[in-house]
Amino acid sequence: MKILFLGETYRADAQTWIQGIQTVSGVKIDTKELPRTGSRMARMIEAIKFFSNLIFSREQYDISLAERSTSYGFFSLFVNAKVRVVAQQGISDVYPEHGFAGWYKKKLQTAIYRRAELIHAWGWVMTPAMLECGADPARILVKPKGLNLDRFRFEAPAQKQSNSAIVTRSLYPIYRHSEIIDAAKILKSKGIHMECKLIGDGELFDSLVQKSKDQGVEDMIQFEGRIDNHDLPNFLRQAQVYISVPETDGVSASLFEAMACGCFPIVTDLSANRAFIKDGFNGFLIPVGNVEALAEGIEKFLNSPEKYEEGIRFNRAYIEKNCDLKKNMEFFFDQYQKALYSK
């Protein structure tokens, strides 16, 4: 059997998908991805070259796996594969939703959903956009990728580092890290000290470092940069609070990782997060862009973390029931094989 993965292999959740299927199938997966270039023009040139190489390639695959319907998912239409599997990454892969970009991305998404044999929705919140774009409900698999629970082990709240927080989203504008720095300034003005580790890299790294200095919170915000994914559970087990405040989100693997390791989630009030977080019980839901509410949420938890231990343990139980990597990947590969052998 030959399997191809189309997507950004450096991303942790892509590695989870690749390694999970490799483990349960015993098949070494081939990968193809666009080079990581800087300028918009350079990316367009590389995309054209990538597209041409796929069209003229003589390689044949039994199964192709592709991340994001509006990019690698669309590219997968031009791979010589018997079964195409595409995964939606957000509530919708059409972003921005309006204007010319929204129009043509919706066309790309519709094209792949009507031709893919299987479509991954990592949570139910993703399915409305799929159905709107013509996806056959019978082809949609609704289940998270899962986590290696031997690695992402639970740490009891009492064993956590006091007044500690972690952010594991990459440093790009959509994730609004600057608001976390602003919230830290508010906390400091109240005499509340928090040690917050920012894991990851991105185009805003230097400007965020500078902002933390300008706001006088460089003693509270620690930039760890990009780390090996195998080191991530150690950081999560140390932190009391997980913070993530993007303006839009899908079913976040980073949220599941934090829940598994016993972090209390403070996240933006989005439909994707409401599916897993009951505000005030197993996390806090914060309005997008509301720095004061973010600071208040952090302060509320730090003042009495013991009040939320039941919710923290509930999160771990949910992950164990629904997000076991081995079980979920066995289910996925079984579905891939059924689609393949029905050809």
Protein backbone atom coordinates (compact mmCIF):
# COMPACT_ATOMS: atom_id res chain seq x y z
CA MET A 1 0.00 0.00 0.00
CA LYS A 2 1.16 3.55 -0.81
CA ILE A 3 -0.09 6.57 1.15
CA LEU A 4 0.68 10.24 0.45
CA PHE A 5 0.29 13.12 2.91
CA LEU A 6 -0.13 16.65 1.55
CA GLY A 7 0.36 19.34 4.18
CA GLU A 8 2.76 21.22 6.41
CA THR A 9 4.63 18.39 8.07
CA TYR A 10 6.37 20.66 10.62
CA ARG A 11 3.03 21.27 12.38
CA ALA A 12 2.47 19.16 15.48
CA ASP A 13 -1.07 18.09 14.58
CA ALA A 14 0.11 17.06 11.09
CA GLN A 15 2.81 14.93 12.71
CA THR A 16 0.16 13.38 14.96
CA TRP A 17 -1.93 12.37 11.94
CA ILE A 18 1.03 11.04 9.94
CA GLN A 19 2.63 9.12 12.79
CA GLY A 20 -0.71 7.78 14.01
CA ILE A 21 -1.64 6.29 10.63
CA GLN A 22 1.90 4.99 10.11
CA THR A 23 1.75 3.19 13.46
CA VAL A 24 -1.60 1.46 12.93
CA SER A 25 -1.06 0.70 9.22
CA GLY A 26 2.61 -0.26 9.21
CA VAL A 27 2.98 1.88 6.04
CA LYS A 28 5.68 4.55 5.67
CA ILE A 29 3.81 7.63 4.43
CA ASP A 30 5.25 9.80 1.65
CA THR A 31 4.89 13.55 2.14
CA LYS A 32 4.75 16.56 -0.17
CA GLU A 33 4.49 20.21 0.84
CA LEU A 34 5.17 23.70 -0.40
CA PRO A 35 8.52 25.25 0.57
CA ARG A 36 8.21 27.79 3.37
CA THR A 37 8.99 31.03 1.59
CA GLY A 38 8.64 34.64 2.68
CA SER A 39 7.00 36.91 0.10
CA ARG A 40 3.53 36.49 -1.38
CA MET A 41 4.96 36.39 -4.90
CA ALA A 42 7.46 33.67 -3.94
CA ARG A 43 4.65 31.57 -2.43
CA MET A 44 2.58 31.93 -5.60
CA ILE A 45 5.50 30.80 -7.77
CA GLU A 46 6.15 27.80 -5.52
CA ALA A 47 2.44 26.92 -5.57
CA ILE A 48 2.43 26.87 -9.38
CA LYS A 49 5.53 24.63 -9.42
CA PHE A 50 4.00 22.35 -6.79
CA PHE A 51 0.75 22.13 -8.76
CA SER A 52 2.63 21.30 -11.99
CA ASN A 53 4.69 18.58 -10.30
CA LEU A 54 1.52 16.90 -9.03
CA ILE A 55 -0.14 16.97 -12.43
CA PHE A 56 2.82 15.47 -14.29
CA SER A 57 3.88 13.00 -11.61
CA ARG A 58 3.63 9.32 -12.57
CA GLU A 59 3.43 8.16 -8.95
CA GLN A 60 0.31 6.28 -8.00
CA TYR A 61 -1.10 6.08 -4.48
CA ASP A 62 -3.78 4.02 -2.82
CA ILE A 63 -4.68 6.79 -0.36
CA SER A 64 -3.92 10.52 -0.24
CA LEU A 65 -4.36 12.48 2.99
CA ALA A 66 -4.60 16.27 2.74
CA GLU A 67 -4.86 19.07 5.28
CA ARG A 68 -7.12 22.09 4.67
CA SER A 69 -9.69 21.78 1.91
CA THR A 70 -8.90 25.14 0.28
CA SER A 71 -5.20 24.42 -0.25
CA TYR A 72 -3.69 20.93 0.00
CA GLY A 73 -7.15 19.40 -0.21
CA PHE A 74 -7.68 21.03 -3.59
CA PHE A 75 -4.17 19.98 -4.69
CA SER A 76 -5.10 16.40 -3.83
CA LEU A 77 -7.60 16.38 -6.72
CA PHE A 78 -4.60 16.22 -9.05
CA VAL A 79 -2.88 13.31 -7.30
CA ASN A 80 -3.23 9.88 -8.87
CA ALA A 81 -4.88 8.25 -5.86
CA LYS A 82 -7.70 5.72 -5.50
CA VAL A 83 -9.02 7.28 -2.27
CA ARG A 84 -8.81 10.94 -1.30
CA VAL A 85 -9.14 11.93 2.36
CA VAL A 86 -9.25 15.61 3.26
CA ALA A 87 -9.30 17.25 6.69
CA GLN A 88 -10.91 20.61 7.37
CA GLN A 89 -8.78 22.60 9.82
CA GLY A 90 -11.17 25.30 11.02
CA ILE A 91 -14.88 25.95 11.49
CA SER A 92 -14.62 26.59 7.77
CA ASP A 93 -11.47 26.61 5.65
CA VAL A 94 -12.92 29.64 3.85
CA TYR A 95 -11.12 32.59 5.45
CA PRO A 96 -11.70 35.44 5.00
CA GLU A 97 -15.32 34.56 4.34
CA HIS A 98 -16.18 37.62 2.22
CA GLY A 99 -14.89 39.34 -0.90
CA PHE A 100 -13.10 37.73 -3.82
CA ALA A 101 -10.92 35.54 -1.56
CA GLY A 102 -13.96 34.15 0.21
CA TRP A 103 -15.70 33.48 -3.13
CA TYR A 104 -12.89 31.52 -4.76
CA LYS A 105 -11.96 29.61 -1.59
CA LYS A 106 -15.55 28.45 -1.26
CA LYS A 107 -15.35 27.20 -4.85
CA LEU A 108 -12.18 25.24 -4.03
CA GLN A 109 -13.78 23.78 -0.91
CA THR A 110 -16.89 22.71 -2.82
CA ALA A 111 -14.76 21.06 -5.54
CA ILE A 112 -12.86 18.86 -3.07
CA TYR A 113 -15.84 18.00 -0.87
CA ARG A 114 -17.80 16.70 -3.85
CA ARG A 115 -14.94 14.44 -4.94
CA ALA A 116 -13.25 13.30 -1.71
CA GLU A 117 -14.11 9.80 -0.55
CA LEU A 118 -13.76 10.77 3.12
CA ILE A 119 -13.76 14.11 4.95
CA HIS A 120 -12.35 14.60 8.44
CA ALA A 121 -14.21 16.82 10.90
CA TRP A 122 -12.26 16.85 14.15
CA GLY A 123 -15.48 17.97 15.87
CA TRP A 124 -19.20 18.46 15.14
CA VAL A 125 -18.76 22.23 14.99
CA MET A 126 -16.99 21.80 11.63
CA THR A 127 -19.80 19.96 9.85
CA PRO A 128 -22.17 22.86 8.95
CA ALA A 129 -19.57 24.46 6.64
CA MET A 130 -18.94 21.06 5.04
CA LEU A 131 -22.61 20.45 4.33
CA GLU A 132 -23.02 23.97 3.01
CA CYS A 133 -20.28 23.25 0.48
CA GLY A 134 -21.90 20.08 -0.80
CA ALA A 135 -20.24 17.39 1.32
CA ASP A 136 -22.07 14.05 1.48
CA PRO A 137 -22.91 13.47 5.19
CA ALA A 138 -22.10 9.76 4.75
CA ARG A 139 -18.50 10.64 3.91
CA ILE A 140 -17.86 12.84 6.97
CA LEU A 141 -15.89 11.29 9.86
CA VAL A 142 -16.49 13.22 13.09
CA LYS A 143 -13.82 12.37 15.64
CA PRO A 144 -10.70 14.14 16.98
CA LYS A 145 -7.25 12.93 15.92
CA GLY A 146 -6.48 12.03 19.50
CA LEU A 147 -3.43 12.31 21.73
CA ASN A 148 -0.75 9.93 22.89
CA LEU A 149 -1.99 9.75 26.47
CA ASP A 150 1.23 8.12 27.64
CA ARG A 151 3.03 11.35 26.71
CA PHE A 152 0.33 13.88 27.57
CA ARG A 153 -0.03 12.73 31.16
CA PHE A 154 -2.22 14.39 33.75
CA GLU A 155 -0.65 16.50 36.50
CA ALA A 156 -2.81 17.11 39.56
CA PRO A 157 -3.55 20.81 40.23
CA ALA A 158 -1.81 20.67 43.61
CA GLN A 159 1.45 19.67 41.89
CA LYS A 160 1.44 22.60 39.45
CA GLN A 161 3.77 25.57 39.59
CA SER A 162 1.95 28.39 41.37
CA ASN A 163 0.66 31.34 39.29
CA SER A 164 1.80 29.77 36.03
CA ALA A 165 0.29 29.96 32.55
CA ILE A 166 1.13 28.69 29.09
CA VAL A 167 0.30 29.68 25.51
CA THR A 168 1.04 27.17 22.74
CA ARG A 169 -0.28 28.93 19.63
CA SER A 170 2.20 30.11 16.99
CA LEU A 171 3.07 33.79 16.98
CA TYR A 172 0.83 35.08 14.19
CA PRO A 173 -1.76 37.92 14.26
CA ILE A 174 -4.81 35.63 14.29
CA TYR A 175 -3.87 34.35 17.76
CA ARG A 176 -3.76 37.85 19.34
CA HIS A 177 -0.84 37.30 21.67
CA SER A 178 -0.52 41.05 22.19
CA GLU A 179 -3.75 40.94 24.21
CA ILE A 180 -2.20 38.41 26.57
CA ILE A 181 0.67 40.83 27.15
CA ASP A 182 -1.85 43.64 27.77
CA ALA A 183 -3.68 41.41 30.27
CA ALA A 184 -0.38 40.71 32.05
CA LYS A 185 0.13 44.47 32.41
CA ILE A 186 -3.31 44.81 34.03
CA LEU A 187 -2.50 41.99 36.44
CA LYS A 188 0.84 43.55 37.32
CA SER A 189 -0.84 46.89 38.05
CA LYS A 190 -2.95 45.02 40.63
CA GLY A 191 0.10 43.43 42.21
CA ILE A 192 -0.62 39.98 40.73
CA HIS A 193 2.42 38.17 39.38
CA MET A 194 1.99 35.48 36.73
CA GLU A 195 4.69 33.54 34.92
CA CYS A 196 3.42 32.92 31.40
CA LYS A 197 5.39 30.85 28.89
CA LEU A 198 4.77 31.48 25.18
CA ILE A 199 5.66 28.36 23.20
CA GLY A 200 6.23 28.66 19.47
CA ASP A 201 7.57 30.96 16.80
CA GLY A 202 6.13 33.17 14.08
CA GLU A 203 6.32 36.49 12.30
CA LEU A 204 5.42 38.46 15.46
CA PHE A 205 8.17 37.04 17.66
CA ASP A 206 10.39 40.13 17.73
CA SER A 207 7.54 42.64 18.02
CA LEU A 208 5.94 40.70 20.88
CA VAL A 209 9.23 40.51 22.75
CA GLN A 210 9.57 44.26 22.35
CA LYS A 211 5.98 44.86 23.46
CA SER A 212 6.52 42.85 26.64
CA LYS A 213 9.46 45.16 27.43
CA ASP A 214 7.51 48.31 26.55
CA GLN A 215 4.64 47.19 28.80
CA GLY A 216 7.04 46.39 31.62
CA VAL A 217 6.03 42.72 31.88
CA GLU A 218 9.17 41.03 30.56
CA ASP A 219 9.47 39.41 34.01
CA MET A 220 6.03 37.80 33.49
CA ILE A 221 6.20 36.76 29.83
CA GLN A 222 8.77 34.18 28.80
CA PHE A 223 9.33 33.45 25.11
CA GLU A 224 10.44 29.84 24.70
CA GLY A 225 10.43 29.84 20.88
CA ARG A 226 9.83 26.69 18.88
CA ILE A 227 10.40 23.51 20.86
CA ASP A 228 10.41 19.84 20.00
CA ASN A 229 6.86 18.53 20.21
CA HIS A 230 8.08 15.76 22.53
CA ASP A 231 9.03 18.45 25.08
CA LEU A 232 5.59 20.09 25.05
CA PRO A 233 3.89 17.83 27.63
CA ASN A 234 6.54 18.75 30.21
CA PHE A 235 5.71 22.44 29.84
CA LEU A 236 1.97 21.75 29.99
CA ARG A 237 2.25 19.68 33.14
CA GLN A 238 3.96 22.58 34.92
CA ALA A 239 1.34 25.22 34.04
CA GLN A 240 -1.89 25.90 35.92
CA VAL A 241 -3.57 27.90 33.15
CA TYR A 242 -3.77 27.48 29.37
CA ILE A 243 -4.55 30.69 27.44
CA SER A 244 -5.70 30.90 23.83
CA VAL A 245 -7.53 33.97 22.48
CA PRO A 246 -7.75 33.76 18.66
CA GLU A 247 -10.53 35.48 16.72
CA THR A 248 -11.47 32.22 14.99
CA ASP A 249 -10.63 28.59 15.66
CA GLY A 250 -11.42 25.02 14.72
CA VAL A 251 -11.26 22.02 17.01
CA SER A 252 -7.99 22.94 18.66
CA ALA A 253 -5.50 20.13 19.28
CA SER A 254 -3.59 22.49 21.57
CA LEU A 255 -6.69 22.87 23.76
CA PHE A 256 -6.99 19.09 24.03
CA GLU A 257 -3.31 18.81 24.95
CA ALA A 258 -3.78 21.35 27.73
CA MET A 259 -6.93 19.61 29.01
CA ALA A 260 -5.08 16.28 29.05
CA CYS A 261 -2.24 17.69 31.17
CA GLY A 262 -4.44 19.35 33.77
CA CYS A 263 -4.28 22.99 32.63
CA PHE A 264 -7.34 25.16 33.24
CA PRO A 265 -8.37 26.62 29.84
CA ILE A 266 -9.05 30.34 29.43
CA VAL A 267 -10.10 30.69 25.79
CA THR A 268 -12.12 32.94 23.52
CA ASP A 269 -15.88 32.50 23.41
CA LEU A 270 -16.15 30.74 20.05
CA SER A 271 -18.49 27.96 18.99
CA ALA A 272 -15.49 25.63 18.62
CA ASN A 273 -14.60 26.14 22.29
CA ARG A 274 -18.18 26.08 23.57
CA ALA A 275 -18.37 22.49 22.34
CA PHE A 276 -15.87 21.49 25.05
CA ILE A 277 -15.84 24.24 27.69
CA LYS A 278 -18.65 25.07 30.12
CA ASP A 279 -17.87 28.59 31.27
CA GLY A 280 -16.98 28.72 34.96
CA PHE A 281 -16.73 24.95 35.37
CA ASN A 282 -13.97 23.42 33.27
CA GLY A 283 -12.67 26.68 31.79
CA PHE A 284 -13.49 30.32 31.12
CA LEU A 285 -14.88 31.70 27.85
CA ILE A 286 -13.66 35.23 27.12
CA PRO A 287 -15.15 37.61 24.50
CA VAL A 288 -12.84 38.11 21.53
CA GLY A 289 -10.69 41.21 21.96
CA ASN A 290 -11.73 41.90 25.57
CA VAL A 291 -8.41 42.33 27.40
CA GLU A 292 -10.07 43.35 30.66
CA ALA A 293 -12.19 40.18 30.71
CA LEU A 294 -9.10 38.10 29.98
CA ALA A 295 -7.22 39.67 32.89
CA GLU A 296 -10.25 39.18 35.16
CA GLY A 297 -10.49 35.52 34.18
CA ILE A 298 -6.84 34.87 34.93
CA GLU A 299 -7.11 36.72 38.26
CA LYS A 300 -10.27 34.83 39.21
CA PHE A 301 -8.60 31.47 38.68
CA LEU A 302 -5.31 32.38 40.36
CA ASN A 303 -7.15 33.67 43.44
CA SER A 304 -8.82 30.29 44.08
CA PRO A 305 -7.56 27.50 41.80
CA GLU A 306 -8.92 24.85 44.16
CA LYS A 307 -12.49 25.81 43.16
CA TYR A 308 -11.91 24.47 39.66
CA GLU A 309 -10.28 21.12 40.41
CA GLU A 310 -13.44 19.18 39.56
CA GLY A 311 -13.59 20.79 36.14
CA ILE A 312 -9.90 20.15 35.52
CA ARG A 313 -10.34 16.45 36.31
CA PHE A 314 -13.48 16.37 34.16
CA ASN A 315 -11.35 17.58 31.23
CA ARG A 316 -8.91 14.71 31.64
CA ALA A 317 -11.75 12.19 31.79
CA TYR A 318 -13.20 13.64 28.57
CA ILE A 319 -9.85 13.32 26.80
CA GLU A 320 -9.37 9.72 27.95
CA LYS A 321 -12.83 8.79 26.65
CA ASN A 322 -12.75 10.62 23.31
CA CYS A 323 -9.15 11.41 22.37
CA ASP A 324 -7.11 8.21 22.67
CA LEU A 325 -4.75 8.41 19.68
CA LYS A 326 -4.36 4.67 19.12
CA LYS A 327 -8.09 3.93 19.20
CA ASN A 328 -8.99 6.88 16.99
CA MET A 329 -6.29 6.18 14.41
CA GLU A 330 -7.32 2.52 14.22
CA PHE A 331 -10.87 3.69 13.49
CA PHE A 332 -9.68 6.12 10.81
CA PHE A 333 -7.47 3.60 9.03
CA ASP A 334 -10.28 1.06 9.07
CA GLN A 335 -12.49 3.62 7.30
CA TYR A 336 -9.75 4.37 4.76
CA GLN A 337 -9.43 0.67 3.96
CA LYS A 338 -13.18 0.23 3.57
CA ALA A 339 -13.24 3.12 1.10
CA LEU A 340 -10.24 1.68 -0.76
CA TYR A 341 -11.53 -1.87 -1.05
CA SER A 342 -14.97 -0.72 -2.13
CA LYS A 343 -13.40 0.74 -5.29
